[in-house]
C-alpha atoms as a PDB file:
ATOM      1  CA  MET A   1      63.345 -19.117  13.560  1.00  0.00           C
ATOM      2  CA  LYS A   2      61.909 -18.864   9.617  1.00  0.00           C
ATOM      3  CA  ARG A   3      58.275 -19.415  11.083  1.00  0.00           C
ATOM      4  CA  LYS A   4      58.727 -16.368  13.785  1.00  0.00           C
ATOM      5  CA  LYS A   5      59.634 -14.043  10.821  1.00  0.00           C
ATOM      6  CA  TRP A   6      56.272 -14.603   9.254  1.00  0.00           C
ATOM      7  CA  ILE A   7      54.496 -13.809  12.138  1.00  0.00           C
ATOM      8  CA  ARG A   8      54.903 -10.098  11.959  1.00  0.00           C
ATOM      9  CA  PRO A   9      54.052  -9.634   8.504  1.00  0.00           C
ATOM     10  CA  VAL A  10      50.871 -11.688   8.955  1.00  0.00           C
ATOM     11  CA  LEU A  11      49.624  -9.714  11.742  1.00  0.00           C
ATOM     12  CA  ILE A  12      50.401  -6.417   9.815  1.00  0.00           C
ATOM     13  CA  VAL A  13      48.588  -7.867   7.198  1.00  0.00           C
ATOM     14  CA  LEU A  14      45.593  -8.655   9.340  1.00  0.00           C
ATOM     15  CA  LEU A  15      45.723  -5.544  11.371  1.00  0.00           C
ATOM     16  CA  LEU A  16      45.462  -3.639   8.015  1.00  0.00           C
ATOM     17  CA  GLY A  17      42.850  -5.528   6.809  1.00  0.00           C
ATOM     18  CA  VAL A  18      40.786  -4.748   9.901  1.00  0.00           C
ATOM     19  CA  MET A  19      41.470  -0.899   9.665  1.00  0.00           C
ATOM     20  CA  VAL A  20      40.284  -0.795   6.179  1.00  0.00           C
ATOM     21  CA  PHE A  21      37.142  -2.872   6.929  1.00  0.00           C
ATOM     22  CA  CYS A  22      36.665  -0.442   9.983  1.00  0.00           C
ATOM     23  CA  ILE A  23      37.005   2.680   7.644  1.00  0.00           C
ATOM     24  CA  VAL A  24      34.634   1.386   4.950  1.00  0.00           C
ATOM     25  CA  ARG A  25      32.054   0.391   7.219  1.00  0.00           C
ATOM     26  CA  ILE A  26      32.215   3.874   8.929  1.00  0.00           C
ATOM     27  CA  LEU A  27      32.096   5.593   5.777  1.00  0.00           C
ATOM     28  CA  SER A  28      29.234   3.368   4.665  1.00  0.00           C
ATOM     29  CA  VAL A  29      26.935   4.184   7.786  1.00  0.00           C
ATOM     30  CA  LYS A  30      27.803   8.087   7.035  1.00  0.00           C
ATOM     31  CA  ARG A  31      26.760   7.833   3.541  1.00  0.00           C
ATOM     32  CA  GLU A  32      23.414   6.358   4.739  1.00  0.00           C
ATOM     33  CA  TYR A  33      22.860   8.654   7.511  1.00  0.00           C
ATOM     34  CA  ASP A  34      23.543  11.493   5.071  1.00  0.00           C
ATOM     35  CA  THR A  35      21.005   9.750   2.336  1.00  0.00           C
ATOM     36  CA  GLY A  36      18.393   9.749   4.959  1.00  0.00           C
ATOM     37  CA  GLU A  37      18.924  13.244   6.200  1.00  0.00           C
ATOM     38  CA  ALA A  38      18.587  14.341   2.287  1.00  0.00           C
ATOM     39  CA  ILE A  39      15.622  12.399   1.763  1.00  0.00           C
ATOM     40  CA  TYR A  40      13.416  13.839   4.825  1.00  0.00           C
ATOM     41  CA  GLY A  41      15.184  17.109   4.423  1.00  0.00           C
ATOM     42  CA  ALA A  42      13.628  17.250   0.948  1.00  0.00           C
ATOM     43  CA  ALA A  43      10.260  16.160   2.051  1.00  0.00           C
ATOM     44  CA  LEU A  44      10.159  19.099   4.662  1.00  0.00           C
ATOM     45  CA  ASP A  45      10.914  21.460   1.800  1.00  0.00           C
ATOM     46  CA  GLU A  46       8.393  19.811  -0.768  1.00  0.00           C
ATOM     47  CA  PHE A  47       5.817  19.013   0.901  1.00  0.00           C
ATOM     48  CA  VAL A  48       5.276  21.194   4.137  1.00  0.00           C
ATOM     49  CA  ALA A  49       4.876  24.794   3.699  1.00  0.00           C
ATOM     50  CA  ASN A  50       5.111  25.931   7.631  1.00  0.00           C
ATOM     51  CA  PRO A  51       7.430  23.166   9.171  1.00  0.00           C
ATOM     52  CA  GLU A  52       7.658  24.863  12.633  1.00  0.00           C
ATOM     53  CA  GLY A  53       3.901  25.225  12.577  1.00  0.00           C
ATOM     54  CA  THR A  54       1.839  28.742  12.605  1.00  0.00           C
ATOM     55  CA  MET A  55      -1.488  29.120  14.305  1.00  0.00           C
ATOM     56  CA  PRO A  56      -4.504  30.328  12.371  1.00  0.00           C
ATOM     57  CA  LEU A  57      -5.035  34.231  12.791  1.00  0.00           C
ATOM     58  CA  PRO A  58      -7.876  34.836  15.156  1.00  0.00           C
ATOM     59  CA  ASP A  59     -11.188  36.138  13.980  1.00  0.00           C
ATOM     60  CA  THR A  60     -11.617  39.545  14.654  1.00  0.00           C
ATOM     61  CA  GLU A  61     -15.043  40.354  13.136  1.00  0.00           C
ATOM     62  CA  GLU A  62     -17.034  42.017  15.609  1.00  0.00           C
ATOM     63  CA  PRO A  63     -20.448  40.969  16.416  1.00  0.00           C
ATOM     64  CA  PRO A  64     -23.341  43.233  15.096  1.00  0.00           C
ATOM     65  CA  GLU A  65     -24.355  45.710  17.049  1.00  0.00           C
ATOM     66  CA  THR A  66     -27.690  45.523  19.310  1.00  0.00           C
ATOM     67  CA  SER A  67     -29.698  48.499  20.080  1.00  0.00           C
ATOM     68  CA  GLU A  68     -30.571  49.157  24.150  1.00  0.00           C
ATOM     69  CA  ASP A  69     -34.453  48.596  22.997  1.00  0.00           C
ATOM     70  CA  THR A  70     -33.709  45.389  21.517  1.00  0.00           C
ATOM     71  CA  GLU A  71     -31.532  44.152  24.533  1.00  0.00           C
ATOM     72  CA  ALA A  72     -34.432  45.340  27.046  1.00  0.00           C
ATOM     73  CA  ASN A  73     -37.275  43.026  25.349  1.00  0.00           C
ATOM     74  CA  THR A  74     -34.836  40.157  24.520  1.00  0.00           C
ATOM     75  CA  ASP A  75     -36.492  36.970  26.272  1.00  0.00           C
ATOM     76  CA  VAL A  76     -33.774  35.178  28.227  1.00  0.00           C
ATOM     77  CA  ASP A  77     -34.955  31.756  26.517  1.00  0.00           C
ATOM     78  CA  ASP A  78     -34.411  33.562  23.179  1.00  0.00           C
ATOM     79  CA  VAL A  79     -30.729  34.114  23.922  1.00  0.00           C
ATOM     80  CA  PRO A  80     -28.611  31.289  21.976  1.00  0.00           C
ATOM     81  CA  VAL A  81     -26.413  29.349  23.901  1.00  0.00           C
ATOM     82  CA  GLN A  82     -22.575  30.124  23.546  1.00  0.00           C
ATOM     83  CA  GLU A  83     -20.803  27.141  22.203  1.00  0.00           C
ATOM     84  CA  GLU A  84     -17.237  26.561  23.595  1.00  0.00           C
ATOM     85  CA  PRO A  85     -14.814  27.689  20.811  1.00  0.00           C
ATOM     86  CA  LYS A  86     -13.208  24.994  18.665  1.00  0.00           C
ATOM     87  CA  GLU A  87      -9.396  24.131  18.958  1.00  0.00           C
ATOM     88  CA  ASP A  88      -7.219  26.000  16.611  1.00  0.00           C
ATOM     89  CA  TYR A  89      -4.313  23.923  15.474  1.00  0.00           C
ATOM     90  CA  PRO A  90      -0.815  24.541  14.165  1.00  0.00           C
ATOM     91  CA  ASP A  91      -1.025  24.671  10.443  1.00  0.00           C
ATOM     92  CA  LEU A  92       2.008  23.114   8.743  1.00  0.00           C
ATOM     93  CA  GLY A  93       0.414  23.310   5.382  1.00  0.00           C
ATOM     94  CA  ILE A  94       0.849  19.584   4.213  1.00  0.00           C
ATOM     95  CA  ASP A  95       0.465  18.989   0.558  1.00  0.00           C
ATOM     96  CA  PHE A  96      -0.807  15.536   0.762  1.00  0.00           C
ATOM     97  CA  ASP A  97      -2.044  15.468  -2.821  1.00  0.00           C
ATOM     98  CA  LYS A  98       1.422  15.597  -3.731  1.00  0.00           C
ATOM     99  CA  LEU A  99       2.608  12.921  -1.120  1.00  0.00           C
ATOM    100  CA  ARG A 100      -0.033  10.607  -2.097  1.00  0.00           C
ATOM    101  CA  GLN A 101       1.421  10.608  -5.696  1.00  0.00           C
ATOM    102  CA  VAL A 102       4.768   9.911  -4.217  1.00  0.00           C
ATOM    103  CA  ASN A 103       3.343   6.893  -2.226  1.00  0.00           C
ATOM    104  CA  GLU A 104      -0.201   5.748  -1.469  1.00  0.00           C
ATOM    105  CA  ASP A 105       0.856   4.141   1.678  1.00  0.00           C
ATOM    106  CA  ILE A 106       1.430   7.769   3.105  1.00  0.00           C
ATOM    107  CA  ILE A 107      -1.717   8.297   5.390  1.00  0.00           C
ATOM    108  CA  GLY A 108      -0.760  11.215   7.292  1.00  0.00           C
ATOM    109  CA  TRP A 109       2.026  13.334   9.142  1.00  0.00           C
ATOM    110  CA  ILE A 110       3.461  13.164  12.562  1.00  0.00           C
ATOM    111  CA  TRP A 111       4.921  16.338  14.541  1.00  0.00           C
ATOM    112  CA  ILE A 112       5.883  16.963  17.952  1.00  0.00           C
ATOM    113  CA  PRO A 113       6.877  20.607  18.210  1.00  0.00           C
ATOM    114  CA  ASP A 114      10.461  21.672  19.068  1.00  0.00           C
ATOM    115  CA  THR A 115      11.683  17.932  18.440  1.00  0.00           C
ATOM    116  CA  ARG A 116      12.886  16.326  15.435  1.00  0.00           C
ATOM    117  CA  ILE A 117       9.735  14.261  15.018  1.00  0.00           C
ATOM    118  CA  ASN A 118       8.252  16.180  12.022  1.00  0.00           C
ATOM    119  CA  TYR A 119       7.582  13.384   9.228  1.00  0.00           C
ATOM    120  CA  PRO A 120       5.146  11.535   7.012  1.00  0.00           C
ATOM    121  CA  LEU A 121       3.385   8.669   8.488  1.00  0.00           C
ATOM    122  CA  LEU A 122       2.999   5.170   6.673  1.00  0.00           C
ATOM    123  CA  GLN A 123       1.058   2.311   7.119  1.00  0.00           C
ATOM    124  CA  GLY A 124       2.237  -0.900   5.079  1.00  0.00           C
ATOM    125  CA  LYS A 125       0.796  -4.527   4.655  1.00  0.00           C
ATOM    126  CA  ASP A 126       2.921  -5.759   7.840  1.00  0.00           C
ATOM    127  CA  ASN A 127       5.262  -4.017  10.377  1.00  0.00           C
ATOM    128  CA  SER A 128       8.375  -4.627   8.184  1.00  0.00           C
ATOM    129  CA  THR A 129       7.708  -3.100   5.052  1.00  0.00           C
ATOM    130  CA  TYR A 130       8.977   0.621   6.191  1.00  0.00           C
ATOM    131  CA  LEU A 131      11.630  -0.807   8.839  1.00  0.00           C
ATOM    132  CA  ARG A 132      14.626   0.145   5.948  1.00  0.00           C
ATOM    133  CA  THR A 133      12.269   1.982   3.264  1.00  0.00           C
ATOM    134  CA  ALA A 134      11.743   5.694   3.386  1.00  0.00           C
ATOM    135  CA  TYR A 135       8.522   7.269   2.792  1.00  0.00           C
ATOM    136  CA  ASN A 136       9.595   7.616  -1.108  1.00  0.00           C
ATOM    137  CA  LEU A 137      10.183   3.900  -1.385  1.00  0.00           C
ATOM    138  CA  GLN A 138      13.747   4.501  -1.465  1.00  0.00           C
ATOM    139  CA  PRO A 139      16.163   2.172   0.512  1.00  0.00           C
ATOM    140  CA  SER A 140      17.111   3.662   3.926  1.00  0.00           C
ATOM    141  CA  ARG A 141      18.730   2.936   7.331  1.00  0.00           C
ATOM    142  CA  TYR A 142      16.373   5.575   8.531  1.00  0.00           C
ATOM    143  CA  GLY A 143      13.097   3.698   7.241  1.00  0.00           C
ATOM    144  CA  SER A 144       9.798   5.528   8.118  1.00  0.00           C
ATOM    145  CA  ALA A 145       7.615   6.370  10.769  1.00  0.00           C
ATOM    146  CA  PHE A 146       4.563   3.848  10.626  1.00  0.00           C
ATOM    147  CA  LEU A 147       1.337   2.884  11.962  1.00  0.00           C
ATOM    148  CA  ASP A 148       0.897  -0.872  13.179  1.00  0.00           C
ATOM    149  CA  TYR A 149      -0.476  -2.555  10.180  1.00  0.00           C
ATOM    150  CA  ARG A 150      -3.308  -3.938  12.519  1.00  0.00           C
ATOM    151  CA  ASN A 151      -4.481  -0.186  13.489  1.00  0.00           C
ATOM    152  CA  HIS A 152      -7.267   1.573  11.890  1.00  0.00           C
ATOM    153  CA  PRO A 153      -5.815   4.585  10.013  1.00  0.00           C
ATOM    154  CA  ASP A 154      -8.452   6.721  11.392  1.00  0.00           C
ATOM    155  CA  PHE A 155      -7.091   6.566  14.714  1.00  0.00           C
ATOM    156  CA  THR A 156     -10.250   5.094  16.008  1.00  0.00           C
ATOM    157  CA  ASP A 157      -8.547   2.308  17.794  1.00  0.00           C
ATOM    158  CA  THR A 158      -8.313   2.098  21.790  1.00  0.00           C
ATOM    159  CA  ASN A 159      -4.411   2.311  21.230  1.00  0.00           C
ATOM    160  CA  THR A 160      -2.797   3.361  18.162  1.00  0.00           C
ATOM    161  CA  ILE A 161       0.980   2.210  17.807  1.00  0.00           C
ATOM    162  CA  ILE A 162       3.606   4.324  15.916  1.00  0.00           C
ATOM    163  CA  TYR A 163       7.273   2.749  15.242  1.00  0.00           C
ATOM    164  CA  GLY A 164      10.099   4.787  14.578  1.00  0.00           C
ATOM    165  CA  HIS A 165      13.811   3.877  14.403  1.00  0.00           C
ATOM    166  CA  ASN A 166      16.238   5.373  17.238  1.00  0.00           C
ATOM    167  CA  MET A 167      18.736   7.169  15.234  1.00  0.00           C
ATOM    168  CA  ARG A 168      21.948   8.105  16.793  1.00  0.00           C
ATOM    169  CA  ASN A 169      21.779  11.604  15.285  1.00  0.00           C
ATOM    170  CA  ASP A 170      18.467  12.195  17.006  1.00  0.00           C
ATOM    171  CA  ALA A 171      16.668  11.567  13.381  1.00  0.00           C
ATOM    172  CA  MET A 172      13.359   9.419  13.252  1.00  0.00           C
ATOM    173  CA  PHE A 173      12.357   8.838  16.864  1.00  0.00           C
ATOM    174  CA  GLY A 174      15.798   9.374  18.194  1.00  0.00           C
ATOM    175  CA  THR A 175      14.705  12.244  20.706  1.00  0.00           C
ATOM    176  CA  LEU A 176      11.887   9.810  22.210  1.00  0.00           C
ATOM    177  CA  SER A 177      13.944   8.699  25.086  1.00  0.00           C
ATOM    178  CA  ASN A 178      14.502  12.635  26.206  1.00  0.00           C
ATOM    179  CA  PHE A 179      11.028  12.266  27.211  1.00  0.00           C
ATOM    180  CA  ALA A 180      12.534  10.031  30.286  1.00  0.00           C
ATOM    181  CA  ASP A 181      13.980  13.446  31.589  1.00  0.00           C
ATOM    182  CA  PRO A 182      10.910  15.084  33.441  1.00  0.00           C
ATOM    183  CA  GLU A 183      11.923  18.683  32.586  1.00  0.00           C
ATOM    184  CA  PHE A 184      11.831  17.683  28.813  1.00  0.00           C
ATOM    185  CA  ALA A 185       8.705  15.791  29.116  1.00  0.00           C
ATOM    186  CA  GLU A 186       7.079  18.699  31.013  1.00  0.00           C
ATOM    187  CA  ASN A 187       8.035  21.261  27.775  1.00  0.00           C
ATOM    188  CA  HIS A 188       7.184  18.693  25.106  1.00  0.00           C
ATOM    189  CA  THR A 189       3.371  17.517  26.007  1.00  0.00           C
ATOM    190  CA  ASP A 190       1.911  18.153  22.524  1.00  0.00           C
ATOM    191  CA  LEU A 191       1.738  15.726  19.788  1.00  0.00           C
ATOM    192  CA  TYR A 192      -0.169  16.495  16.612  1.00  0.00           C
ATOM    193  CA  ILE A 193      -1.097  13.788  13.758  1.00  0.00           C
ATOM    194  CA  TYR A 194      -2.337  15.475  10.591  1.00  0.00           C
ATOM    195  CA  THR A 195      -4.139  13.435   7.814  1.00  0.00           C
ATOM    196  CA  PRO A 196      -5.909  14.407   4.727  1.00  0.00           C
ATOM    197  CA  ASP A 197      -9.293  14.437   6.372  1.00  0.00           C
ATOM    198  CA  ALA A 198      -8.449  15.682  10.061  1.00  0.00           C
ATOM    199  CA  THR A 199      -5.942  16.726  12.488  1.00  0.00           C
ATOM    200  CA  TYR A 200      -5.895  15.129  15.852  1.00  0.00           C
ATOM    201  CA  HIS A 201      -4.063  16.733  18.899  1.00  0.00           C
ATOM    202  CA  TYR A 202      -2.770  14.205  21.873  1.00  0.00           C
ATOM    203  CA  GLU A 203      -1.313  15.405  25.217  1.00  0.00           C
ATOM    204  CA  ILE A 204       1.914  13.135  25.788  1.00  0.00           C
ATOM    205  CA  PHE A 205       1.386  11.768  29.534  1.00  0.00           C
ATOM    206  CA  SER A 206       3.615   9.162  29.973  1.00  0.00           C
ATOM    207  CA  ALA A 207       7.047   7.672  29.046  1.00  0.00           C
ATOM    208  CA  TYR A 208       9.123   4.339  29.943  1.00  0.00           C
ATOM    209  CA  THR A 209      10.797   1.362  29.049  1.00  0.00           C
ATOM    210  CA  ALA A 210       8.579  -1.696  28.045  1.00  0.00           C
ATOM    211  CA  LYS A 211       8.509  -5.124  26.729  1.00  0.00           C
ATOM    212  CA  THR A 212       7.428  -6.124  23.380  1.00  0.00           C
ATOM    213  CA  TYR A 213       4.792  -8.442  25.196  1.00  0.00           C
ATOM    214  CA  GLU A 214       3.399  -5.864  27.483  1.00  0.00           C
ATOM    215  CA  PHE A 215      -0.029  -3.782  27.659  1.00  0.00           C
ATOM    216  CA  PRO A 216       1.648  -1.014  25.223  1.00  0.00           C
ATOM    217  CA  TYR A 217       1.604  -3.715  22.160  1.00  0.00           C
ATOM    218  CA  VAL A 218      -2.015  -4.605  22.582  1.00  0.00           C
ATOM    219  CA  ILE A 219      -4.392  -2.339  20.047  1.00  0.00           C
ATOM    220  CA  ASN A 220      -8.042  -3.163  21.294  1.00  0.00           C
ATOM    221  CA  PHE A 221      -9.107  -4.959  24.282  1.00  0.00           C
ATOM    222  CA  GLU A 222     -11.877  -7.913  24.591  1.00  0.00           C
ATOM    223  CA  TYR A 223     -12.441  -7.538  28.560  1.00  0.00           C
ATOM    224  CA  GLU A 224     -13.236  -4.412  30.404  1.00  0.00           C
ATOM    225  CA  LYS A 225     -10.942  -5.618  33.023  1.00  0.00           C
ATOM    226  CA  SER A 226      -7.887  -5.865  30.575  1.00  0.00           C
ATOM    227  CA  HIS A 227      -8.798  -2.523  29.458  1.00  0.00           C
ATOM    228  CA  GLU A 228      -8.720  -1.035  32.892  1.00  0.00           C
ATOM    229  CA  GLU A 229      -5.390  -2.681  33.684  1.00  0.00           C
ATOM    230  CA  PHE A 230      -4.050  -1.267  30.461  1.00  0.00           C
ATOM    231  CA  LEU A 231      -4.995   2.313  31.460  1.00  0.00           C
ATOM    232  CA  GLN A 232      -3.657   1.963  34.950  1.00  0.00           C
ATOM    233  CA  PHE A 233      -0.464   0.500  33.562  1.00  0.00           C
ATOM    234  CA  ILE A 234       0.471   3.019  31.385  1.00  0.00           C
ATOM    235  CA  VAL A 235      -0.056   5.680  33.891  1.00  0.00           C
ATOM    236  CA  GLU A 236       2.037   3.919  36.632  1.00  0.00           C
ATOM    237  CA  GLU A 237       4.772   2.851  34.711  1.00  0.00           C
ATOM    238  CA  SER A 238       5.567   6.486  33.844  1.00  0.00           C
ATOM    239  CA  VAL A 239       9.426   7.754  34.615  1.00  0.00           C
ATOM    240  CA  SER A 240       8.863  11.340  34.066  1.00  0.00           C
ATOM    241  CA  LEU A 241       5.117  12.666  33.670  1.00  0.00           C
ATOM    242  CA  ARG A 242       2.902  12.102  36.413  1.00  0.00           C
ATOM    243  CA  ARG A 243      -1.018  12.412  34.736  1.00  0.00           C
ATOM    244  CA  GLU A 244      -3.571  13.605  37.518  1.00  0.00           C
ATOM    245  CA  GLU A 245      -6.726  13.299  35.805  1.00  0.00           C
ATOM    246  CA  PRO A 246      -7.746   9.386  35.145  1.00  0.00           C
ATOM    247  CA  LEU A 247      -8.153   8.299  31.860  1.00  0.00           C
ATOM    248  CA  THR A 248     -11.325   6.397  30.994  1.00  0.00           C
ATOM    249  CA  MET A 249     -12.387   3.750  28.664  1.00  0.00           C
ATOM    250  CA  ASP A 250     -13.388   6.091  26.101  1.00  0.00           C
ATOM    251  CA  ASP A 251      -9.990   7.811  25.843  1.00  0.00           C
ATOM    252  CA  ARG A 252      -7.840   7.074  22.640  1.00  0.00           C
ATOM    253  CA  ILE A 253      -4.237   6.326  23.070  1.00  0.00           C
ATOM    254  CA  VAL A 254      -1.376   6.596  20.803  1.00  0.00           C
ATOM    255  CA  THR A 255       2.014   5.026  21.453  1.00  0.00           C
ATOM    256  CA  LEU A 256       5.070   5.834  20.087  1.00  0.00           C
ATOM    257  CA  SER A 257       7.849   3.106  20.087  1.00  0.00           C
ATOM    258  CA  THR A 258      11.190   2.942  19.348  1.00  0.00           C
ATOM    259  CA  CYS A 259      14.225   0.489  20.121  1.00  0.00           C
ATOM    260  CA  LEU A 260      16.932   1.084  22.659  1.00  0.00           C
ATOM    261  CA  SER A 261      20.580   1.801  22.095  1.00  0.00           C
ATOM    262  CA  THR A 262      21.022  -1.479  24.246  1.00  0.00           C
ATOM    263  CA  SER A 263      20.095  -3.491  21.453  1.00  0.00           C
ATOM    264  CA  SER A 264      17.606  -5.271  23.496  1.00  0.00           C
ATOM    265  CA  TYR A 265      15.355  -7.448  21.196  1.00  0.00           C
ATOM    266  CA  TYR A 266      12.499  -7.639  23.851  1.00  0.00           C
ATOM    267  CA  LYS A 267      12.468  -4.091  25.033  1.00  0.00           C
ATOM    268  CA  ARG A 268      11.561  -0.718  23.632  1.00  0.00           C
ATOM    269  CA  PHE A 269      10.949   2.744  24.883  1.00  0.00           C
ATOM    270  CA  VAL A 270       7.470   4.020  24.610  1.00  0.00           C
ATOM    271  CA  VAL A 271       5.764   7.310  24.762  1.00  0.00           C
ATOM    272  CA  HIS A 272       1.927   7.816  25.420  1.00  0.00           C
ATOM    273  CA  GLY A 273      -0.333  10.499  24.451  1.00  0.00           C
ATOM    274  CA  VAL A 274      -4.227  10.663  25.187  1.00  0.00           C
ATOM    275  CA  LEU A 275      -6.494  12.657  22.268  1.00  0.00           C
ATOM    276  CA  VAL A 276      -7.507  15.694  23.328  1.00  0.00           C
ATOM    277  CA  SER A 277      -9.443  16.917  20.367  1.00  0.00           C
ATOM    278  CA  SER A 278      -9.856  16.474  16.557  1.00  0.00           C
ATOM    279  CA  SER A 279     -10.972  18.709  13.831  1.00  0.00           C
ATOM    280  CA  LEU A 280     -13.813  16.363  13.483  1.00  0.00           C
ATOM    281  CA  ASP A 281     -15.150  17.182  16.804  1.00  0.00           C
END
């Protein structure tokens, strides 16, 4: 009988201990999320003048008037060939000088309009450096959006891979899985990467769940056949968007990768974009 009397108090103490642990854990996670929000909210406030993006004003300067006589005497061969107008890129007003003073590993800025993906882009010495470190070098559950350490930071590789955490509050790459929805994907096809030297515009064309040992995680291809298989794979695997225009081996691909909520070690959700133009063209 005495032994039974001890069972209930012991169970109560154990249950209370579990409850306290859970509460402390929840508060700790909330504090980490709040810290991450504050860190990246401050980044937008301090380093980005126009976080929603503004298009440059069109050139309203009128061409000089030409007299009728001049027009009549102009030889067809003398008429200059009209070049196609260059693309105007949304201007976020990013202060890269100030950003690089915070962390020299900041190589650019990634932005998908009308999503929460609007972050500094980093590249470390390996792919673990910024898993739990924010752009300002503070420890953070958010980590950073970062370029694969194997990639060239000028986005000249066949496949440039960018990683970001799948946060439960949709921060970082938490909205990436929304691209599995055809309606969302159709309305969010623009992806911009800004660097101190150039602006790159990508068109998003594919989204699906991939394994970490599959084509999306290959940077460059030694053989033409493998390259062709890669291009075919990333188009056919898409669960939402359907690309009609075929990709070519001259196309440069960007791959955004994030973990799954199922915590599968070998699976990731990926989104692909193809380079449409850059300010260097």
